[in-house]
N, C-alpha and C. Protein backbone atom coordinates (compact mmCIF):
# COMPACT_ATOMS: atom_id res chain seq x y z
N UNK A 1 133.76 110.12 97.43
CA UNK A 1 133.98 108.79 96.89
C UNK A 1 132.66 108.29 96.29
N UNK A 2 132.62 108.20 94.98
CA UNK A 2 131.39 107.79 94.29
C UNK A 2 131.01 106.35 94.59
N UNK A 3 131.99 105.49 94.79
CA UNK A 3 131.70 104.09 95.07
C UNK A 3 130.97 103.95 96.41
N UNK A 4 131.41 104.67 97.42
CA UNK A 4 130.76 104.62 98.73
C UNK A 4 129.35 105.19 98.64
N UNK A 5 129.19 106.28 97.90
CA UNK A 5 127.86 106.88 97.71
C UNK A 5 126.94 105.90 97.01
N UNK A 6 127.43 105.24 95.96
CA UNK A 6 126.64 104.24 95.25
C UNK A 6 126.21 103.13 96.20
N UNK A 7 127.12 102.66 97.04
CA UNK A 7 126.79 101.59 97.98
C UNK A 7 125.67 102.00 98.93
N UNK A 8 125.74 103.21 99.46
CA UNK A 8 124.70 103.68 100.38
C UNK A 8 123.36 103.78 99.67
N UNK A 9 123.35 104.33 98.47
CA UNK A 9 122.09 104.45 97.71
C UNK A 9 121.54 103.07 97.37
N UNK A 10 122.40 102.17 96.93
CA UNK A 10 121.98 100.81 96.58
C UNK A 10 121.37 100.10 97.78
N UNK A 11 122.03 100.16 98.93
CA UNK A 11 121.51 99.53 100.14
C UNK A 11 120.18 100.17 100.55
N UNK A 12 120.06 101.48 100.36
CA UNK A 12 118.82 102.17 100.73
C UNK A 12 117.65 101.68 99.87
N UNK A 13 117.86 101.59 98.57
CA UNK A 13 116.80 101.12 97.67
C UNK A 13 116.44 99.67 97.99
N UNK A 14 117.45 98.83 98.16
CA UNK A 14 117.19 97.43 98.51
C UNK A 14 116.43 97.36 99.83
N UNK A 15 116.83 98.17 100.80
CA UNK A 15 116.14 98.19 102.09
C UNK A 15 114.69 98.62 101.98
N UNK A 16 114.41 99.58 101.11
CA UNK A 16 113.03 100.03 100.91
C UNK A 16 112.19 98.93 100.28
N UNK A 17 112.77 98.19 99.34
CA UNK A 17 112.05 97.08 98.71
C UNK A 17 111.82 95.97 99.73
N UNK A 18 112.84 95.65 100.50
CA UNK A 18 112.72 94.61 101.52
C UNK A 18 111.68 95.00 102.57
N UNK A 19 111.68 96.25 102.98
CA UNK A 19 110.67 96.72 103.93
C UNK A 19 109.26 96.52 103.36
N UNK A 20 109.10 96.80 102.08
CA UNK A 20 107.81 96.59 101.42
C UNK A 20 107.43 95.12 101.45
N UNK A 21 108.38 94.24 101.12
CA UNK A 21 108.11 92.79 101.13
C UNK A 21 107.73 92.31 102.53
N UNK A 22 108.34 92.89 103.56
CA UNK A 22 108.10 92.47 104.94
C UNK A 22 106.89 93.16 105.57
N UNK A 23 106.31 94.12 104.85
CA UNK A 23 105.16 94.83 105.39
C UNK A 23 105.52 95.90 106.41
N UNK A 24 106.77 96.36 106.39
CA UNK A 24 107.19 97.42 107.31
C UNK A 24 106.83 98.76 106.69
N UNK A 25 106.08 99.55 107.42
CA UNK A 25 105.69 100.89 106.95
C UNK A 25 106.06 101.91 108.02
N UNK A 26 105.94 103.17 107.66
CA UNK A 26 106.18 104.23 108.64
C UNK A 26 105.21 104.10 109.81
N UNK A 27 104.02 103.60 109.56
CA UNK A 27 103.00 103.49 110.60
C UNK A 27 103.27 102.38 111.61
N UNK A 28 103.87 101.26 111.17
CA UNK A 28 104.09 100.15 112.10
C UNK A 28 105.56 99.99 112.49
N UNK A 29 106.40 100.92 112.08
CA UNK A 29 107.84 100.82 112.31
C UNK A 29 108.19 100.68 113.78
N UNK A 30 107.64 101.52 114.64
CA UNK A 30 107.99 101.47 116.06
C UNK A 30 107.66 100.12 116.68
N UNK A 31 106.51 99.56 116.35
CA UNK A 31 106.14 98.25 116.89
C UNK A 31 107.10 97.16 116.41
N UNK A 32 107.49 97.20 115.14
CA UNK A 32 108.38 96.17 114.60
C UNK A 32 109.81 96.35 115.08
N UNK A 33 110.22 97.56 115.40
CA UNK A 33 111.54 97.77 115.99
C UNK A 33 111.60 97.13 117.37
N UNK A 34 110.52 97.24 118.12
CA UNK A 34 110.46 96.68 119.47
C UNK A 34 110.36 95.16 119.45
N UNK A 35 109.75 94.61 118.41
CA UNK A 35 109.54 93.16 118.33
C UNK A 35 109.63 92.70 116.88
N UNK A 36 110.86 92.65 116.32
CA UNK A 36 111.00 92.24 114.92
C UNK A 36 110.55 90.80 114.71
N UNK A 37 109.99 90.53 113.52
CA UNK A 37 109.43 89.22 113.21
C UNK A 37 110.49 88.15 112.98
N UNK A 38 111.73 88.52 112.81
CA UNK A 38 112.79 87.55 112.58
C UNK A 38 114.13 88.25 112.46
N UNK A 39 115.19 87.45 112.30
CA UNK A 39 116.52 88.04 112.25
C UNK A 39 116.75 88.96 111.05
N UNK A 40 116.15 88.66 109.89
CA UNK A 40 116.36 89.54 108.74
C UNK A 40 115.70 90.90 108.96
N UNK A 41 114.53 90.90 109.55
CA UNK A 41 113.87 92.17 109.86
C UNK A 41 114.70 92.96 110.87
N UNK A 42 115.23 92.27 111.86
CA UNK A 42 116.08 92.94 112.86
C UNK A 42 117.31 93.55 112.20
N UNK A 43 117.95 92.81 111.29
CA UNK A 43 119.12 93.34 110.58
C UNK A 43 118.74 94.59 109.79
N UNK A 44 117.62 94.53 109.08
CA UNK A 44 117.17 95.66 108.28
C UNK A 44 116.94 96.90 109.15
N UNK A 45 116.35 96.71 110.31
CA UNK A 45 116.01 97.83 111.18
C UNK A 45 117.14 98.23 112.12
N UNK A 46 118.23 97.48 112.11
CA UNK A 46 119.37 97.82 112.95
C UNK A 46 119.11 97.60 114.43
N UNK A 47 118.34 96.55 114.74
CA UNK A 47 118.07 96.22 116.14
C UNK A 47 118.50 94.78 116.40
N UNK A 48 118.69 94.45 117.67
CA UNK A 48 119.09 93.09 118.04
C UNK A 48 117.87 92.17 117.96
N UNK A 49 118.13 90.91 117.64
CA UNK A 49 117.07 89.91 117.61
C UNK A 49 117.42 88.82 118.61
N UNK A 50 116.54 88.62 119.59
CA UNK A 50 116.72 87.59 120.61
C UNK A 50 118.11 87.63 121.22
N UNK A 51 118.55 88.82 121.57
CA UNK A 51 119.84 88.97 122.25
C UNK A 51 121.05 88.91 121.35
N UNK A 52 120.84 88.80 120.05
CA UNK A 52 121.96 88.73 119.12
C UNK A 52 122.60 90.09 118.88
N UNK A 53 123.62 90.09 118.07
CA UNK A 53 124.32 91.32 117.76
C UNK A 53 123.55 92.14 116.73
N UNK A 54 123.79 93.44 116.75
CA UNK A 54 123.20 94.34 115.77
C UNK A 54 124.04 94.29 114.51
N UNK A 55 123.40 94.14 113.36
CA UNK A 55 124.06 94.02 112.07
C UNK A 55 124.73 95.34 111.68
N UNK A 56 125.96 95.26 111.20
CA UNK A 56 126.68 96.43 110.68
C UNK A 56 126.90 96.21 109.19
N UNK A 57 126.37 97.11 108.38
CA UNK A 57 126.48 96.97 106.92
C UNK A 57 127.88 97.21 106.40
N UNK A 58 128.74 97.83 107.21
CA UNK A 58 130.08 98.16 106.76
C UNK A 58 130.12 99.40 105.88
N UNK A 59 129.01 100.14 105.83
CA UNK A 59 128.93 101.33 104.99
C UNK A 59 129.45 102.59 105.68
N UNK A 60 129.76 102.47 106.96
CA UNK A 60 130.20 103.64 107.71
C UNK A 60 129.07 104.53 108.16
N UNK A 61 127.86 104.00 108.18
CA UNK A 61 126.70 104.75 108.65
C UNK A 61 126.04 103.95 109.78
N UNK A 62 125.15 104.60 110.50
CA UNK A 62 124.51 103.95 111.65
C UNK A 62 123.77 102.67 111.22
N UNK A 63 123.84 101.61 112.03
CA UNK A 63 123.12 100.37 111.68
C UNK A 63 121.62 100.57 111.52
N UNK A 64 121.05 101.54 112.20
CA UNK A 64 119.61 101.76 112.15
C UNK A 64 119.20 102.79 111.10
N UNK A 65 120.06 103.03 110.09
CA UNK A 65 119.75 104.05 109.08
C UNK A 65 118.44 103.78 108.34
N UNK A 66 118.07 102.51 108.17
CA UNK A 66 116.82 102.22 107.46
C UNK A 66 115.59 102.65 108.26
N UNK A 67 115.71 102.73 109.57
CA UNK A 67 114.60 103.27 110.37
C UNK A 67 114.29 104.69 109.91
N UNK A 68 115.34 105.48 109.72
CA UNK A 68 115.16 106.86 109.29
C UNK A 68 114.52 106.93 107.90
N UNK A 69 114.99 106.09 107.00
CA UNK A 69 114.45 106.08 105.63
C UNK A 69 112.97 105.74 105.65
N UNK A 70 112.62 104.66 106.34
CA UNK A 70 111.23 104.22 106.38
C UNK A 70 110.35 105.26 107.07
N UNK A 71 110.84 105.82 108.15
CA UNK A 71 110.06 106.81 108.89
C UNK A 71 109.81 108.07 108.05
N UNK A 72 110.82 108.50 107.29
CA UNK A 72 110.72 109.76 106.55
C UNK A 72 110.03 109.63 105.19
N UNK A 73 110.29 108.53 104.45
CA UNK A 73 109.72 108.42 103.10
C UNK A 73 108.89 107.16 102.89
N UNK A 74 109.03 106.17 103.77
CA UNK A 74 108.26 104.94 103.65
C UNK A 74 109.02 103.84 102.94
N UNK A 75 108.34 102.73 102.71
CA UNK A 75 108.94 101.61 101.98
C UNK A 75 108.75 101.84 100.47
N UNK A 76 109.23 100.91 99.66
CA UNK A 76 109.15 101.08 98.20
C UNK A 76 107.71 101.30 97.73
N UNK A 77 106.80 100.50 98.24
CA UNK A 77 105.41 100.62 97.82
C UNK A 77 104.80 101.96 98.18
N UNK A 78 105.11 102.45 99.37
CA UNK A 78 104.59 103.74 99.78
C UNK A 78 105.13 104.86 98.90
N UNK A 79 106.42 104.82 98.61
CA UNK A 79 107.03 105.84 97.75
C UNK A 79 106.44 105.76 96.35
N UNK A 80 106.29 104.54 95.83
CA UNK A 80 105.71 104.36 94.49
C UNK A 80 104.29 104.92 94.44
N UNK A 81 103.48 104.52 95.40
CA UNK A 81 102.08 104.95 95.41
C UNK A 81 101.94 106.46 95.49
N UNK A 82 102.78 107.10 96.30
CA UNK A 82 102.67 108.55 96.50
C UNK A 82 103.31 109.37 95.39
N UNK A 83 104.30 108.80 94.70
CA UNK A 83 105.07 109.60 93.74
C UNK A 83 104.95 109.15 92.29
N UNK A 84 104.45 107.96 92.06
CA UNK A 84 104.28 107.49 90.68
C UNK A 84 102.79 107.27 90.41
N UNK A 85 102.20 106.37 91.16
CA UNK A 85 100.79 106.03 90.93
C UNK A 85 99.89 107.25 91.05
N UNK A 86 100.16 108.09 92.02
CA UNK A 86 99.31 109.27 92.23
C UNK A 86 99.52 110.34 91.17
N UNK A 87 100.70 110.37 90.56
CA UNK A 87 101.02 111.43 89.59
C UNK A 87 100.64 111.04 88.17
N UNK A 88 100.96 109.80 87.77
CA UNK A 88 100.68 109.40 86.38
C UNK A 88 99.66 108.28 86.29
N UNK A 89 98.98 108.00 87.40
CA UNK A 89 97.93 106.99 87.42
C UNK A 89 98.42 105.64 86.89
N UNK A 90 99.54 105.18 87.44
CA UNK A 90 100.11 103.87 87.08
C UNK A 90 100.24 103.03 88.34
N UNK A 91 99.19 102.28 88.68
CA UNK A 91 99.26 101.46 89.90
C UNK A 91 100.28 100.34 89.76
N UNK A 92 100.74 99.84 90.88
CA UNK A 92 101.72 98.74 90.88
C UNK A 92 101.07 97.41 90.50
N UNK A 93 99.86 97.19 90.97
CA UNK A 93 99.20 95.90 90.77
C UNK A 93 99.14 95.56 89.29
N UNK A 94 99.60 94.37 88.96
CA UNK A 94 99.53 93.88 87.59
C UNK A 94 100.60 94.44 86.67
N UNK A 95 101.57 95.16 87.22
CA UNK A 95 102.66 95.71 86.40
C UNK A 95 103.99 95.13 86.85
N UNK A 96 105.03 95.42 86.10
CA UNK A 96 106.37 94.98 86.46
C UNK A 96 106.85 95.64 87.75
N UNK A 97 106.23 96.73 88.15
CA UNK A 97 106.62 97.44 89.36
C UNK A 97 106.08 96.80 90.63
N UNK A 98 105.28 95.77 90.50
CA UNK A 98 104.78 95.05 91.67
C UNK A 98 105.89 94.18 92.24
N UNK A 99 105.73 93.82 93.48
CA UNK A 99 106.67 92.91 94.14
C UNK A 99 106.69 91.58 93.39
N UNK A 100 107.82 90.92 93.39
CA UNK A 100 107.92 89.60 92.77
C UNK A 100 106.93 88.63 93.42
N UNK A 101 106.63 88.85 94.70
CA UNK A 101 105.64 88.02 95.39
C UNK A 101 104.24 88.19 94.81
N UNK A 102 104.04 89.32 94.12
CA UNK A 102 102.73 89.63 93.53
C UNK A 102 102.76 89.60 92.00
N UNK A 103 103.76 88.93 91.41
CA UNK A 103 103.83 88.79 89.97
C UNK A 103 104.63 89.85 89.24
N UNK A 104 105.24 90.77 89.97
CA UNK A 104 106.06 91.81 89.35
C UNK A 104 107.53 91.42 89.31
N UNK A 105 108.36 92.39 89.04
CA UNK A 105 109.80 92.15 88.93
C UNK A 105 110.61 92.74 90.08
N UNK A 106 109.97 93.36 91.04
CA UNK A 106 110.69 94.04 92.12
C UNK A 106 110.93 93.05 93.26
N UNK A 107 112.20 92.84 93.59
CA UNK A 107 112.55 91.97 94.71
C UNK A 107 113.85 92.46 95.32
N UNK A 108 114.09 92.06 96.54
CA UNK A 108 115.31 92.44 97.23
C UNK A 108 116.10 91.19 97.60
N UNK A 109 117.42 91.24 97.45
CA UNK A 109 118.24 90.14 97.93
C UNK A 109 118.27 90.15 99.46
N UNK A 110 118.75 89.08 100.08
CA UNK A 110 118.83 89.06 101.55
C UNK A 110 119.66 90.24 102.07
N UNK A 111 119.29 90.74 103.23
CA UNK A 111 119.96 91.88 103.85
C UNK A 111 121.17 91.38 104.64
N UNK A 112 122.31 91.29 103.96
CA UNK A 112 123.55 90.80 104.61
C UNK A 112 124.73 91.59 104.15
């Protein structure tokens, strides 16, 4: 089913961008899973926040799938730096590929 595949890929990319905006990296993932900074971070990581329920994306995959993505490949910025900036010498800073918070065009909608 191409529509389901598209949904999973779309959520994965959005999740990687959101992880970048929140400062979640492969290096600090375990700490943030244990103590997420807020409910949106908890939803993204598939963990409960202050005794609340764990968010289900409805995609038919594990709620904590973004933990695997971040752990294996990193957030958007990490992937960009390792696979674009390092290869063609195009840094994110000052380009459209920077986060919207930093003057670029990359942003993620709320994780819901």
